[in-house]
C-alpha atoms as a PDB file:
ATOM      1  CA  MET A   1     102.810  -1.303  19.550  1.00  0.00           C
ATOM      2  CA  ILE A   2     105.122  -1.373  16.545  1.00  0.00           C
ATOM      3  CA  ALA A   3     107.475  -3.660  18.459  1.00  0.00           C
ATOM      4  CA  ALA A   4     104.504  -5.951  19.057  1.00  0.00           C
ATOM      5  CA  GLY A   5     103.773  -6.166  15.338  1.00  0.00           C
ATOM      6  CA  ARG A   6     101.148  -3.476  14.688  1.00  0.00           C
ATOM      7  CA  ILE A   7     101.566  -1.496  11.473  1.00  0.00           C
ATOM      8  CA  GLU A   8     102.809   2.056  11.835  1.00  0.00           C
ATOM      9  CA  SER A   9      99.668   3.724  10.497  1.00  0.00           C
ATOM     10  CA  ALA A  10      97.491   1.965  13.075  1.00  0.00           C
ATOM     11  CA  VAL A  11      99.843   3.069  15.848  1.00  0.00           C
ATOM     12  CA  CYS A  12      99.765   6.687  14.684  1.00  0.00           C
ATOM     13  CA  LEU A  13      95.975   6.726  14.584  1.00  0.00           C
ATOM     14  CA  ARG A  14      95.636   5.197  18.065  1.00  0.00           C
ATOM     15  CA  GLN A  15      98.002   7.785  19.511  1.00  0.00           C
ATOM     16  CA  GLY A  16      96.261  10.675  17.811  1.00  0.00           C
ATOM     17  CA  HIS A  17      99.505  11.806  16.168  1.00  0.00           C
ATOM     18  CA  ASP A  18     100.181  12.619  12.581  1.00  0.00           C
ATOM     19  CA  ASP A  19     103.001  10.645  10.940  1.00  0.00           C
ATOM     20  CA  LEU A  20     105.681  13.297  11.426  1.00  0.00           C
ATOM     21  CA  THR A  21     104.924  13.790  15.127  1.00  0.00           C
ATOM     22  CA  SER A  22     105.028  10.026  15.713  1.00  0.00           C
ATOM     23  CA  VAL A  23     108.380   9.637  13.987  1.00  0.00           C
ATOM     24  CA  ARG A  24     109.909  12.576  15.827  1.00  0.00           C
ATOM     25  CA  ARG A  25     108.639  11.422  19.203  1.00  0.00           C
ATOM     26  CA  TYR A  26     109.130   7.662  19.077  1.00  0.00           C
ATOM     27  CA  GLN A  27     111.882   6.992  16.537  1.00  0.00           C
ATOM     28  CA  GLY A  28     114.816   5.112  17.930  1.00  0.00           C
ATOM     29  CA  LEU A  29     113.219   3.810  21.135  1.00  0.00           C
ATOM     30  CA  VAL A  30     114.950   0.652  22.252  1.00  0.00           C
ATOM     31  CA  PHE A  31     113.253  -1.911  24.464  1.00  0.00           C
ATOM     32  CA  SER A  32     114.773  -4.844  26.326  1.00  0.00           C
ATOM     33  CA  ASP A  33     113.445  -8.360  25.695  1.00  0.00           C
ATOM     34  CA  ASP A  34     111.603  -8.213  29.032  1.00  0.00           C
ATOM     35  CA  GLU A  35     110.005  -4.890  28.119  1.00  0.00           C
ATOM     36  CA  LEU A  36     108.927  -6.233  24.707  1.00  0.00           C
ATOM     37  CA  ARG A  37     107.300  -9.265  26.333  1.00  0.00           C
ATOM     38  CA  ASP A  38     105.473  -6.996  28.778  1.00  0.00           C
ATOM     39  CA  ILE A  39     104.300  -4.673  26.011  1.00  0.00           C
ATOM     40  CA  LYS A  40     103.018  -7.583  23.921  1.00  0.00           C
ATOM     41  CA  LYS A  41     101.268  -9.097  26.952  1.00  0.00           C
ATOM     42  CA  LYS A  42      99.450  -5.829  27.703  1.00  0.00           C
ATOM     43  CA  LEU A  43      98.476  -5.232  24.068  1.00  0.00           C
ATOM     44  CA  THR A  44      97.147  -8.798  23.834  1.00  0.00           C
ATOM     45  CA  ALA A  45      95.109  -8.323  27.019  1.00  0.00           C
ATOM     46  CA  TRP A  46      93.647  -5.125  25.560  1.00  0.00           C
ATOM     47  CA  GLY A  47      92.741  -6.937  22.315  1.00  0.00           C
ATOM     48  CA  ILE A  48      95.070  -4.820  20.192  1.00  0.00           C
ATOM     49  CA  VAL A  49      97.414  -7.688  19.281  1.00  0.00           C
ATOM     50  CA  LYS A  50      96.328 -11.301  18.815  1.00  0.00           C
ATOM     51  CA  SER A  51      97.989 -13.922  20.953  1.00  0.00           C
ATOM     52  CA  ALA A  52     100.502 -16.183  19.224  1.00  0.00           C
ATOM     53  CA  HIS A  53      98.504 -19.079  20.663  1.00  0.00           C
ATOM     54  CA  SER A  54      95.234 -18.082  18.944  1.00  0.00           C
END
């Protein structure tokens, strides 16, 4: 979600984690360009991220 442009606090709340748990668990994840496109597509479909075409 962060890679798709959501702010960190919103991501933490959606995952049910506190800030420290989120950082420890997800810090340093690297996604390929294809994976980022897929993530953004799914988040847009779920209404979490607005489409660039909106």
